[in-house]
Amino acid sequence: MHTVIMVNGRFVRAADFEMAQVLSLKEALACEVIELHEAINALREDYENLALGYLSLVDRTSSDAQHGASASSKALQNEPDDQAWSALLGQGESVRTGWVRDGLLVSSVVL
C-alpha cells in the first residue's frame, strides 16, 4: 500500500515526494560544494600571490645587500659568472616557491 499526499493541489505518492526533496537537497549541496571549492581555490591563489610577493621582496632586499658586499669582494674571490649566478638564484627561488605552495614556508604575517 502506498501513502498518497496532496502537493500543490495534486495527489502524489509520499515516497516520490520525499525522493524529489532529497534530490533537491542533493543538488543544492552540490552547488554549495562547487562554490566552496571555487572560494578555496581563489583563497589559495591569493595566498600564493602574497607569498610570492613576499619572497620577491625578500629576494630584492637580500639581493641589494648582497650586491654591495659582492661587488667589493668580487675582485678578491673567484665567483661564478653572472649567468651561472642567476641560474642558481632562479633554482633557489623555485625551491622557495615550492615550499610556499606546499605550506612548508609561511610569512611572518601568517605566523
PDB file of N, CA and C in Angstrom:
ATOM      1  N   MET A   1       0.832  -1.159   0.000  1.00  0.00           N
ATOM      2  CA  MET A   1       0.000   0.000   0.000  1.00  0.00           C
ATOM      3  C   MET A   1       0.893   1.245   0.000  1.00  0.00           C
ATOM      4  N   HIS A   2       0.541   2.229  -0.811  1.00  0.00           N
ATOM      5  CA  HIS A   2       1.299   3.468  -0.945  1.00  0.00           C
ATOM      6  C   HIS A   2       0.575   4.606  -0.241  1.00  0.00           C
ATOM      7  N   THR A   3       1.352   5.421   0.438  1.00  0.00           N
ATOM      8  CA  THR A   3       0.780   6.608   1.064  1.00  0.00           C
ATOM      9  C   THR A   3       0.728   7.711   0.022  1.00  0.00           C
ATOM     10  N   VAL A   4      -0.427   8.357  -0.062  1.00  0.00           N
ATOM     11  CA  VAL A   4      -0.625   9.425  -1.041  1.00  0.00           C
ATOM     12  C   VAL A   4      -0.838  10.722  -0.274  1.00  0.00           C
ATOM     13  N   ILE A   5      -0.180  11.785  -0.767  1.00  0.00           N
ATOM     14  CA  ILE A   5      -0.347  13.103  -0.149  1.00  0.00           C
ATOM     15  C   ILE A   5      -0.694  14.116  -1.228  1.00  0.00           C
ATOM     16  N   MET A   6      -1.232  15.242  -0.808  1.00  0.00           N
ATOM     17  CA  MET A   6      -1.566  16.288  -1.769  1.00  0.00           C
ATOM     18  C   MET A   6      -0.476  17.360  -1.715  1.00  0.00           C
ATOM     19  N   VAL A   7       0.078  17.653  -2.884  1.00  0.00           N
ATOM     20  CA  VAL A   7       1.110  18.675  -3.007  1.00  0.00           C
ATOM     21  C   VAL A   7       0.694  19.607  -4.129  1.00  0.00           C
ATOM     22  N   ASN A   8       0.550  20.886  -3.820  1.00  0.00           N
ATOM     23  CA  ASN A   8       0.149  21.891  -4.811  1.00  0.00           C
ATOM     24  C   ASN A   8      -1.129  21.489  -5.552  1.00  0.00           C
ATOM     25  N   GLY A   9      -2.072  20.942  -4.814  1.00  0.00           N
ATOM     26  CA  GLY A   9      -3.356  20.583  -5.404  1.00  0.00           C
ATOM     27  C   GLY A   9      -3.332  19.275  -6.181  1.00  0.00           C
ATOM     28  N   ARG A  10      -2.240  18.539  -6.118  1.00  0.00           N
ATOM     29  CA  ARG A  10      -2.141  17.256  -6.835  1.00  0.00           C
ATOM     30  C   ARG A  10      -1.838  16.152  -5.838  1.00  0.00           C
ATOM     31  N   PHE A  11      -2.354  14.980  -6.126  1.00  0.00           N
ATOM     32  CA  PHE A  11      -2.055  13.828  -5.300  1.00  0.00           C
ATOM     33  C   PHE A  11      -0.791  13.153  -5.840  1.00  0.00           C
ATOM     34  N   VAL A  12       0.170  12.923  -4.944  1.00  0.00           N
ATOM     35  CA  VAL A  12       1.407  12.225  -5.321  1.00  0.00           C
ATOM     36  C   VAL A  12       1.742  11.212  -4.240  1.00  0.00           C
ATOM     37  N   ARG A  13       2.498  10.226  -4.658  1.00  0.00           N
ATOM     38  CA  ARG A  13       2.951   9.244  -3.670  1.00  0.00           C
ATOM     39  C   ARG A  13       3.943   9.917  -2.738  1.00  0.00           C
ATOM     40  N   ALA A  14       3.832   9.638  -1.460  1.00  0.00           N
ATOM     41  CA  ALA A  14       4.711  10.239  -0.454  1.00  0.00           C
ATOM     42  C   ALA A  14       6.178   9.900  -0.745  1.00  0.00           C
ATOM     43  N   ALA A  15       6.429   8.673  -1.180  1.00  0.00           N
ATOM     44  CA  ALA A  15       7.804   8.259  -1.471  1.00  0.00           C
ATOM     45  C   ALA A  15       8.385   9.083  -2.616  1.00  0.00           C
ATOM     46  N   ASP A  16       7.560   9.373  -3.647  1.00  0.00           N
ATOM     47  CA  ASP A  16       8.031  10.186  -4.770  1.00  0.00           C
ATOM     48  C   ASP A  16       8.338  11.615  -4.319  1.00  0.00           C
ATOM     49  N   PHE A  17       7.470  12.149  -3.447  1.00  0.00           N
ATOM     50  CA  PHE A  17       7.661  13.500  -2.939  1.00  0.00           C
ATOM     51  C   PHE A  17       8.947  13.578  -2.108  1.00  0.00           C
ATOM     52  N   GLU A  18       9.149  12.588  -1.246  1.00  0.00           N
ATOM     53  CA  GLU A  18      10.360  12.562  -0.417  1.00  0.00           C
ATOM     54  C   GLU A  18      11.607  12.428  -1.277  1.00  0.00           C
ATOM     55  N   MET A  19      11.527  11.606  -2.318  1.00  0.00           N
ATOM     56  CA  MET A  19      12.676  11.436  -3.214  1.00  0.00           C
ATOM     57  C   MET A  19      12.985  12.753  -3.923  1.00  0.00           C
ATOM     58  N   ALA A  20      11.956  13.482  -4.346  1.00  0.00           N
ATOM     59  CA  ALA A  20      12.160  14.773  -5.005  1.00  0.00           C
ATOM     60  C   ALA A  20      12.813  15.762  -4.046  1.00  0.00           C
ATOM     61  N   GLN A  21      12.411  15.740  -2.783  1.00  0.00           N
ATOM     62  CA  GLN A  21      13.019  16.623  -1.794  1.00  0.00           C
ATOM     63  C   GLN A  21      14.495  16.272  -1.582  1.00  0.00           C
ATOM     64  N   VAL A  22      14.788  14.985  -1.495  1.00  0.00           N
ATOM     65  CA  VAL A  22      16.169  14.537  -1.309  1.00  0.00           C
ATOM     66  C   VAL A  22      17.031  14.964  -2.494  1.00  0.00           C
ATOM     67  N   LEU A  23      16.515  14.775  -3.714  1.00  0.00           N
ATOM     68  CA  LEU A  23      17.271  15.171  -4.904  1.00  0.00           C
ATOM     69  C   LEU A  23      17.488  16.682  -4.941  1.00  0.00           C
ATOM     70  N   SER A  24      16.491  17.432  -4.523  1.00  0.00           N
ATOM     71  CA  SER A  24      16.612  18.882  -4.485  1.00  0.00           C
ATOM     72  C   SER A  24      17.698  19.306  -3.487  1.00  0.00           C
ATOM     73  N   LEU A  25      17.694  18.676  -2.326  1.00  0.00           N
ATOM     74  CA  LEU A  25      18.728  18.975  -1.330  1.00  0.00           C
ATOM     75  C   LEU A  25      20.112  18.576  -1.829  1.00  0.00           C
ATOM     76  N   LYS A  26      20.173  17.439  -2.513  1.00  0.00           N
ATOM     77  CA  LYS A  26      21.454  16.968  -3.056  1.00  0.00           C
ATOM     78  C   LYS A  26      21.998  17.962  -4.078  1.00  0.00           C
ATOM     79  N   GLU A  27      21.143  18.480  -4.944  1.00  0.00           N
ATOM     80  CA  GLU A  27      21.564  19.475  -5.936  1.00  0.00           C
ATOM     81  C   GLU A  27      22.029  20.756  -5.260  1.00  0.00           C
ATOM     82  N   ALA A  28      21.301  21.191  -4.225  1.00  0.00           N
ATOM     83  CA  ALA A  28      21.689  22.399  -3.503  1.00  0.00           C
ATOM     84  C   ALA A  28      23.046  22.212  -2.830  1.00  0.00           C
ATOM     85  N   LEU A  29      23.267  21.051  -2.228  1.00  0.00           N
ATOM     86  CA  LEU A  29      24.560  20.769  -1.603  1.00  0.00           C
ATOM     87  C   LEU A  29      25.677  20.718  -2.637  1.00  0.00           C
ATOM     88  N   ALA A  30      25.396  20.130  -3.792  1.00  0.00           N
ATOM     89  CA  ALA A  30      26.406  20.060  -4.851  1.00  0.00           C
ATOM     90  C   ALA A  30      26.796  21.473  -5.296  1.00  0.00           C
ATOM     91  N   CYS A  31      25.828  22.365  -5.413  1.00  0.00           N
ATOM     92  CA  CYS A  31      26.121  23.761  -5.781  1.00  0.00           C
ATOM     93  C   CYS A  31      26.968  24.438  -4.718  1.00  0.00           C
ATOM     94  N   GLU A  32      26.644  24.192  -3.453  1.00  0.00           N
ATOM     95  CA  GLU A  32      27.428  24.783  -2.366  1.00  0.00           C
ATOM     96  C   GLU A  32      28.852  24.250  -2.361  1.00  0.00           C
ATOM     97  N   VAL A  33      29.018  22.966  -2.619  1.00  0.00           N
ATOM     98  CA  VAL A  33      30.354  22.374  -2.673  1.00  0.00           C
ATOM     99  C   VAL A  33      31.167  23.021  -3.790  1.00  0.00           C
ATOM    100  N   ILE A  34      30.550  23.222  -4.947  1.00  0.00           N
ATOM    101  CA  ILE A  34      31.253  23.862  -6.070  1.00  0.00           C
ATOM    102  C   ILE A  34      31.651  25.282  -5.696  1.00  0.00           C
ATOM    103  N   GLU A  35      30.736  26.035  -5.070  1.00  0.00           N
ATOM    104  CA  GLU A  35      31.045  27.402  -4.656  1.00  0.00           C
ATOM    105  C   GLU A  35      32.172  27.433  -3.632  1.00  0.00           C
ATOM    106  N   LEU A  36      32.147  26.518  -2.671  1.00  0.00           N
ATOM    107  CA  LEU A  36      33.214  26.449  -1.671  1.00  0.00           C
ATOM    108  C   LEU A  36      34.545  26.081  -2.312  1.00  0.00           C
ATOM    109  N   HIS A  37      34.519  25.160  -3.250  1.00  0.00           N
ATOM    110  CA  HIS A  37      35.734  24.755  -3.959  1.00  0.00           C
ATOM    111  C   HIS A  37      36.341  25.950  -4.700  1.00  0.00           C
ATOM    112  N   GLU A  38      35.491  26.722  -5.373  1.00  0.00           N
ATOM    113  CA  GLU A  38      35.969  27.900  -6.096  1.00  0.00           C
ATOM    114  C   GLU A  38      36.525  28.941  -5.124  1.00  0.00           C
ATOM    115  N   ALA A  39      35.859  29.115  -3.984  1.00  0.00           N
ATOM    116  CA  ALA A  39      36.340  30.074  -2.987  1.00  0.00           C
ATOM    117  C   ALA A  39      37.687  29.644  -2.416  1.00  0.00           C
ATOM    118  N   ILE A  40      37.846  28.358  -2.155  1.00  0.00           N
ATOM    119  CA  ILE A  40      39.117  27.844  -1.636  1.00  0.00           C
ATOM    120  C   ILE A  40      40.222  28.044  -2.662  1.00  0.00           C
ATOM    121  N   ASN A  41      39.940  27.765  -3.917  1.00  0.00           N
ATOM    122  CA  ASN A  41      40.947  27.971  -4.959  1.00  0.00           C
ATOM    123  C   ASN A  41      41.342  29.441  -5.067  1.00  0.00           C
ATOM    124  N   ALA A  42      40.363  30.341  -4.966  1.00  0.00           N
ATOM    125  CA  ALA A  42      40.662  31.775  -5.022  1.00  0.00           C
ATOM    126  C   ALA A  42      41.519  32.185  -3.832  1.00  0.00           C
ATOM    127  N   LEU A  43      41.195  31.684  -2.648  1.00  0.00           N
ATOM    128  CA  LEU A  43      41.999  31.992  -1.463  1.00  0.00           C
ATOM    129  C   LEU A  43      43.406  31.442  -1.594  1.00  0.00           C
ATOM    130  N   ARG A  44      43.522  30.219  -2.121  1.00  0.00           N
ATOM    131  CA  ARG A  44      44.838  29.607  -2.305  1.00  0.00           C
ATOM    132  C   ARG A  44      45.671  30.435  -3.282  1.00  0.00           C
ATOM    133  N   GLU A  45      45.040  30.882  -4.363  1.00  0.00           N
ATOM    134  CA  GLU A  45      45.752  31.698  -5.349  1.00  0.00           C
ATOM    135  C   GLU A  45      46.191  33.036  -4.733  1.00  0.00           C
ATOM    136  N   ASP A  46      45.301  33.667  -3.957  1.00  0.00           N
ATOM    137  CA  ASP A  46      45.658  34.918  -3.281  1.00  0.00           C
ATOM    138  C   ASP A  46      46.817  34.700  -2.321  1.00  0.00           C
ATOM    139  N   TYR A  47      46.783  33.609  -1.566  1.00  0.00           N
ATOM    140  CA  TYR A  47      47.847  33.298  -0.620  1.00  0.00           C
ATOM    141  C   TYR A  47      49.172  33.103  -1.349  1.00  0.00           C
ATOM    142  N   GLU A  48      49.142  32.335  -2.441  1.00  0.00           N
ATOM    143  CA  GLU A  48      50.373  32.097  -3.189  1.00  0.00           C
ATOM    144  C   GLU A  48      50.918  33.397  -3.775  1.00  0.00           C
ATOM    145  N   ASN A  49      50.027  34.259  -4.267  1.00  0.00           N
ATOM    146  CA  ASN A  49      50.476  35.542  -4.803  1.00  0.00           C
ATOM    147  C   ASN A  49      51.100  36.400  -3.709  1.00  0.00           C
ATOM    148  N   LEU A  50      50.484  36.407  -2.532  1.00  0.00           N
ATOM    149  CA  LEU A  50      51.055  37.161  -1.414  1.00  0.00           C
ATOM    150  C   LEU A  50      52.404  36.581  -1.002  1.00  0.00           C
ATOM    151  N   ALA A  51      52.473  35.260  -0.923  1.00  0.00           N
ATOM    152  CA  ALA A  51      53.724  34.613  -0.525  1.00  0.00           C
ATOM    153  C   ALA A  51      54.812  34.868  -1.552  1.00  0.00           C
ATOM    154  N   LEU A  52      54.471  34.776  -2.834  1.00  0.00           N
ATOM    155  CA  LEU A  52      55.475  35.031  -3.871  1.00  0.00           C
ATOM    156  C   LEU A  52      55.912  36.491  -3.855  1.00  0.00           C
ATOM    157  N   GLY A  53      54.970  37.398  -3.597  1.00  0.00           N
ATOM    158  CA  GLY A  53      55.327  38.807  -3.482  1.00  0.00           C
ATOM    159  C   GLY A  53      56.260  39.037  -2.310  1.00  0.00           C
ATOM    160  N   TYR A  54      55.982  38.363  -1.204  1.00  0.00           N
ATOM    161  CA  TYR A  54      56.848  38.470  -0.027  1.00  0.00           C
ATOM    162  C   TYR A  54      58.233  37.928  -0.346  1.00  0.00           C
ATOM    163  N   LEU A  55      58.291  36.758  -0.977  1.00  0.00           N
ATOM    164  CA  LEU A  55      59.586  36.177  -1.333  1.00  0.00           C
ATOM    165  C   LEU A  55      60.339  37.075  -2.294  1.00  0.00           C
ATOM    166  N   SER A  56      59.626  37.666  -3.241  1.00  0.00           N
ATOM    167  CA  SER A  56      60.257  38.573  -4.187  1.00  0.00           C
ATOM    168  C   SER A  56      60.834  39.778  -3.459  1.00  0.00           C
ATOM    169  N   LEU A  57      60.101  40.305  -2.501  1.00  0.00           N
ATOM    170  CA  LEU A  57      60.573  41.445  -1.714  1.00  0.00           C
ATOM    171  C   LEU A  57      61.804  41.053  -0.909  1.00  0.00           C
ATOM    172  N   VAL A  58      61.760  39.877  -0.282  1.00  0.00           N
ATOM    173  CA  VAL A  58      62.907  39.391   0.487  1.00  0.00           C
ATOM    174  C   VAL A  58      64.102  39.195  -0.434  1.00  0.00           C
ATOM    175  N   ASP A  59      63.869  38.608  -1.609  1.00  0.00           N
ATOM    176  CA  ASP A  59      64.957  38.399  -2.563  1.00  0.00           C
ATOM    177  C   ASP A  59      65.581  39.719  -2.983  1.00  0.00           C
ATOM    178  N   ARG A  60      64.727  40.721  -3.280  1.00  0.00           N
ATOM    179  CA  ARG A  60      65.257  42.023  -3.695  1.00  0.00           C
ATOM    180  C   ARG A  60      66.050  42.666  -2.573  1.00  0.00           C
ATOM    181  N   THR A  61      65.540  42.572  -1.354  1.00  0.00           N
ATOM    182  CA  THR A  61      66.229  43.171  -0.210  1.00  0.00           C
ATOM    183  C   THR A  61      67.565  42.491   0.021  1.00  0.00           C
ATOM    184  N   SER A  62      67.566  41.156   0.039  1.00  0.00           N
ATOM    185  CA  SER A  62      68.819  40.442   0.267  1.00  0.00           C
ATOM    186  C   SER A  62      69.741  40.582  -0.930  1.00  0.00           C
ATOM    187  N   SER A  63      69.161  40.675  -2.126  1.00  0.00           N
ATOM    188  CA  SER A  63      69.978  40.855  -3.324  1.00  0.00           C
ATOM    189  C   SER A  63      70.682  42.203  -3.300  1.00  0.00           C
ATOM    190  N   ASP A  64      69.963  43.246  -2.867  1.00  0.00           N
ATOM    191  CA  ASP A  64      70.586  44.563  -2.758  1.00  0.00           C
ATOM    192  C   ASP A  64      71.726  44.541  -1.750  1.00  0.00           C
ATOM    193  N   ALA A  65      71.505  43.872  -0.610  1.00  0.00           N
ATOM    194  CA  ALA A  65      72.547  43.790   0.411  1.00  0.00           C
ATOM    195  C   ALA A  65      73.719  42.968  -0.087  1.00  0.00           C
ATOM    196  N   GLN A  66      73.423  41.858  -0.775  1.00  0.00           N
ATOM    197  CA  GLN A  66      74.490  41.003  -1.292  1.00  0.00           C
ATOM    198  C   GLN A  66      75.246  41.700  -2.411  1.00  0.00           C
ATOM    199  N   HIS A  67      74.534  42.493  -3.204  1.00  0.00           N
ATOM    200  CA  HIS A  67      75.177  43.163  -4.332  1.00  0.00           C
ATOM    201  C   HIS A  67      76.286  44.088  -3.841  1.00  0.00           C
ATOM    202  N   GLY A  68      76.032  44.827  -2.761  1.00  0.00           N
ATOM    203  CA  GLY A  68      77.058  45.715  -2.220  1.00  0.00           C
ATOM    204  C   GLY A  68      78.258  44.942  -1.727  1.00  0.00           C
ATOM    205  N   ALA A  69      78.031  43.859  -0.990  1.00  0.00           N
ATOM    206  CA  ALA A  69      79.126  43.054  -0.466  1.00  0.00           C
ATOM    207  C   ALA A  69      79.824  42.306  -1.583  1.00  0.00           C
ATOM    208  N   SER A  70      79.051  41.802  -2.533  1.00  0.00           N
ATOM    209  CA  SER A  70      79.632  41.005  -3.602  1.00  0.00           C
ATOM    210  C   SER A  70      80.455  41.864  -4.545  1.00  0.00           C
ATOM    211  N   ALA A  71      80.018  43.104  -4.785  1.00  0.00           N
ATOM    212  CA  ALA A  71      80.774  43.970  -5.700  1.00  0.00           C
ATOM    213  C   ALA A  71      82.147  44.274  -5.146  1.00  0.00           C
ATOM    214  N   SER A  72      82.239  44.462  -3.834  1.00  0.00           N
ATOM    215  CA  SER A  72      83.535  44.800  -3.257  1.00  0.00           C
ATOM    216  C   SER A  72      84.443  43.590  -3.147  1.00  0.00           C
ATOM    217  N   SER A  73      83.858  42.401  -2.977  1.00  0.00           N
ATOM    218  CA  SER A  73      84.697  41.221  -2.803  1.00  0.00           C
ATOM    219  C   SER A  73      84.901  40.432  -4.094  1.00  0.00           C
ATOM    220  N   LYS A  74      84.253  40.823  -5.172  1.00  0.00           N
ATOM    221  CA  LYS A  74      84.341  40.063  -6.419  1.00  0.00           C
ATOM    222  C   LYS A  74      85.768  40.028  -6.950  1.00  0.00           C
ATOM    223  N   ALA A  75      86.468  41.104  -6.811  1.00  0.00           N
ATOM    224  CA  ALA A  75      87.847  41.144  -7.299  1.00  0.00           C
ATOM    225  C   ALA A  75      88.743  40.229  -6.484  1.00  0.00           C
ATOM    226  N   LEU A  76      88.392  39.992  -5.222  1.00  0.00           N
ATOM    227  CA  LEU A  76      89.227  39.175  -4.353  1.00  0.00           C
ATOM    228  C   LEU A  76      88.926  37.689  -4.463  1.00  0.00           C
ATOM    229  N   GLN A  77      87.725  37.335  -4.908  1.00  0.00           N
ATOM    230  CA  GLN A  77      87.327  35.934  -4.956  1.00  0.00           C
ATOM    231  C   GLN A  77      87.037  35.508  -6.380  1.00  0.00           C
ATOM    232  N   ASN A  78      87.098  34.209  -6.606  1.00  0.00           N
ATOM    233  CA  ASN A  78      86.768  33.656  -7.913  1.00  0.00           C
ATOM    234  C   ASN A  78      85.297  33.240  -7.900  1.00  0.00           C
ATOM    235  N   GLU A  79      84.378  34.212  -8.125  1.00  0.00           N
ATOM    236  CA  GLU A  79      82.947  33.936  -8.091  1.00  0.00           C
ATOM    237  C   GLU A  79      82.463  33.477  -9.459  1.00  0.00           C
ATOM    238  N   PRO A  80      81.320  32.737  -9.496  1.00  0.00           N
ATOM    239  CA  PRO A  80      80.776  32.316 -10.788  1.00  0.00           C
ATOM    240  C   PRO A  80      80.322  33.534 -11.590  1.00  0.00           C
ATOM    241  N   ASP A  81      80.256  33.375 -12.907  1.00  0.00           N
ATOM    242  CA  ASP A  81      79.821  34.487 -13.749  1.00  0.00           C
ATOM    243  C   ASP A  81      78.344  34.800 -13.501  1.00  0.00           C
ATOM    244  N   ASP A  82      77.882  35.932 -14.001  1.00  0.00           N
ATOM    245  CA  ASP A  82      76.524  36.414 -13.738  1.00  0.00           C
ATOM    246  C   ASP A  82      75.456  35.442 -14.209  1.00  0.00           C
ATOM    247  N   GLN A  83      75.662  34.798 -15.350  1.00  0.00           N
ATOM    248  CA  GLN A  83      74.653  33.880 -15.887  1.00  0.00           C
ATOM    249  C   GLN A  83      74.490  32.661 -14.972  1.00  0.00           C
ATOM    250  N   ALA A  84      75.595  32.100 -14.506  1.00  0.00           N
ATOM    251  CA  ALA A  84      75.520  30.950 -13.604  1.00  0.00           C
ATOM    252  C   ALA A  84      74.907  31.366 -12.271  1.00  0.00           C
ATOM    253  N   TRP A  85      75.275  32.547 -11.794  1.00  0.00           N
ATOM    254  CA  TRP A  85      74.734  33.048 -10.535  1.00  0.00           C
ATOM    255  C   TRP A  85      73.224  33.248 -10.649  1.00  0.00           C
ATOM    256  N   SER A  86      72.778  33.805 -11.765  1.00  0.00           N
ATOM    257  CA  SER A  86      71.344  34.000 -11.995  1.00  0.00           C
ATOM    258  C   SER A  86      70.618  32.661 -12.028  1.00  0.00           C
ATOM    259  N   ALA A  87      71.229  31.665 -12.642  1.00  0.00           N
ATOM    260  CA  ALA A  87      70.610  30.336 -12.697  1.00  0.00           C
ATOM    261  C   ALA A  87      70.468  29.749 -11.294  1.00  0.00           C
ATOM    262  N   LEU A  88      71.509  29.910 -10.477  1.00  0.00           N
ATOM    263  CA  LEU A  88      71.441  29.411  -9.102  1.00  0.00           C
ATOM    264  C   LEU A  88      70.365  30.142  -8.295  1.00  0.00           C
ATOM    265  N   LEU A  89      70.276  31.457  -8.455  1.00  0.00           N
ATOM    266  CA  LEU A  89      69.242  32.219  -7.759  1.00  0.00           C
ATOM    267  C   LEU A  89      67.848  31.783  -8.198  1.00  0.00           C
ATOM    268  N   GLY A  90      67.701  31.509  -9.496  1.00  0.00           N
ATOM    269  CA  GLY A  90      66.411  31.029 -10.005  1.00  0.00           C
ATOM    270  C   GLY A  90      66.033  29.687  -9.414  1.00  0.00           C
ATOM    271  N   GLN A  91      67.016  28.804  -9.278  1.00  0.00           N
ATOM    272  CA  GLN A  91      66.744  27.500  -8.670  1.00  0.00           C
ATOM    273  C   GLN A  91      66.324  27.656  -7.212  1.00  0.00           C
ATOM    274  N   GLY A  92      67.021  28.554  -6.507  1.00  0.00           N
ATOM    275  CA  GLY A  92      66.673  28.805  -5.108  1.00  0.00           C
ATOM    276  C   GLY A  92      65.263  29.361  -4.985  1.00  0.00           C
ATOM    277  N   GLU A  93      64.906  30.277  -5.884  1.00  0.00           N
ATOM    278  CA  GLU A  93      63.574  30.861  -5.838  1.00  0.00           C
ATOM    279  C   GLU A  93      62.509  29.806  -6.125  1.00  0.00           C
ATOM    280  N   SER A  94      62.766  28.915  -7.080  1.00  0.00           N
ATOM    281  CA  SER A  94      61.772  27.885  -7.387  1.00  0.00           C
ATOM    282  C   SER A  94      61.614  26.917  -6.214  1.00  0.00           C
ATOM    283  N   VAL A  95      62.691  26.659  -5.495  1.00  0.00           N
ATOM    284  CA  VAL A  95      62.590  25.795  -4.307  1.00  0.00           C
ATOM    285  C   VAL A  95      61.744  26.485  -3.243  1.00  0.00           C
ATOM    286  N   ARG A  96      62.014  27.766  -3.007  1.00  0.00           N
ATOM    287  CA  ARG A  96      61.226  28.512  -2.016  1.00  0.00           C
ATOM    288  C   ARG A  96      59.758  28.591  -2.436  1.00  0.00           C
ATOM    289  N   THR A  97      59.525  28.790  -3.721  1.00  0.00           N
ATOM    290  CA  THR A  97      58.145  28.838  -4.213  1.00  0.00           C
ATOM    291  C   THR A  97      57.447  27.512  -3.937  1.00  0.00           C
ATOM    292  N   GLY A  98      58.149  26.408  -4.160  1.00  0.00           N
ATOM    293  CA  GLY A  98      57.598  25.089  -3.861  1.00  0.00           C
ATOM    294  C   GLY A  98      57.294  24.931  -2.379  1.00  0.00           C
ATOM    295  N   TRP A  99      58.181  25.453  -1.530  1.00  0.00           N
ATOM    296  CA  TRP A  99      57.947  25.389  -0.089  1.00  0.00           C
ATOM    297  C   TRP A  99      56.682  26.148   0.289  1.00  0.00           C
ATOM    298  N   VAL A 100      56.506  27.322  -0.321  1.00  0.00           N
ATOM    299  CA  VAL A 100      55.313  28.119  -0.034  1.00  0.00           C
ATOM    300  C   VAL A 100      54.071  27.374  -0.516  1.00  0.00           C
ATOM    301  N   ARG A 101      54.142  26.843  -1.733  1.00  0.00           N
ATOM    302  CA  ARG A 101      52.994  26.124  -2.305  1.00  0.00           C
ATOM    303  C   ARG A 101      52.650  24.899  -1.460  1.00  0.00           C
ATOM    304  N   ASP A 102      53.657  24.207  -0.918  1.00  0.00           N
ATOM    305  CA  ASP A 102      53.421  23.013  -0.125  1.00  0.00           C
ATOM    306  C   ASP A 102      53.088  23.326   1.331  1.00  0.00           C
ATOM    307  N   GLY A 103      53.170  24.612   1.698  1.00  0.00           N
ATOM    308  CA  GLY A 103      52.841  25.002   3.059  1.00  0.00           C
ATOM    309  C   GLY A 103      53.976  24.810   4.048  1.00  0.00           C
ATOM    310  N   LEU A 104      55.195  24.566   3.553  1.00  0.00           N
ATOM    311  CA  LEU A 104      56.340  24.389   4.443  1.00  0.00           C
ATOM    312  C   LEU A 104      56.946  25.720   4.879  1.00  0.00           C
ATOM    313  N   LEU A 105      56.728  26.767   4.102  1.00  0.00           N
ATOM    314  CA  LEU A 105      57.283  28.075   4.396  1.00  0.00           C
ATOM    315  C   LEU A 105      56.145  29.077   4.416  1.00  0.00           C
ATOM    316  N   VAL A 106      56.016  29.795   5.506  1.00  0.00           N
ATOM    317  CA  VAL A 106      54.973  30.819   5.619  1.00  0.00           C
ATOM    318  C   VAL A 106      55.612  32.134   6.052  1.00  0.00           C
ATOM    319  N   SER A 107      54.956  33.200   5.718  1.00  0.00           N
ATOM    320  CA  SER A 107      55.482  34.519   6.059  1.00  0.00           C
ATOM    321  C   SER A 107      55.287  34.809   7.536  1.00  0.00           C
ATOM    322  N   SER A 108      55.997  35.804   8.037  1.00  0.00           N
ATOM    323  CA  SER A 108      55.847  36.185   9.425  1.00  0.00           C
ATOM    324  C   SER A 108      54.448  36.724   9.696  1.00  0.00           C
ATOM    325  N   VAL A 109      53.813  37.305   8.681  1.00  0.00           N
ATOM    326  CA  VAL A 109      52.448  37.811   8.831  1.00  0.00           C
ATOM    327  C   VAL A 109      51.505  36.655   9.132  1.00  0.00           C
ATOM    328  N   VAL A 110      51.667  35.541   8.412  1.00  0.00           N
ATOM    329  CA  VAL A 110      50.804  34.383   8.635  1.00  0.00           C
ATOM    330  C   VAL A 110      51.061  33.779  10.004  1.00  0.00           C
ATOM    331  N   LEU A 111      52.345  33.733  10.420  1.00  0.00           N
ATOM    332  CA  LEU A 111      52.663  33.187  11.732  1.00  0.00           C
ATOM    333  C   LEU A 111      52.085  34.052  12.831  1.00  0.00           C
TER     334      LEU A 111
END
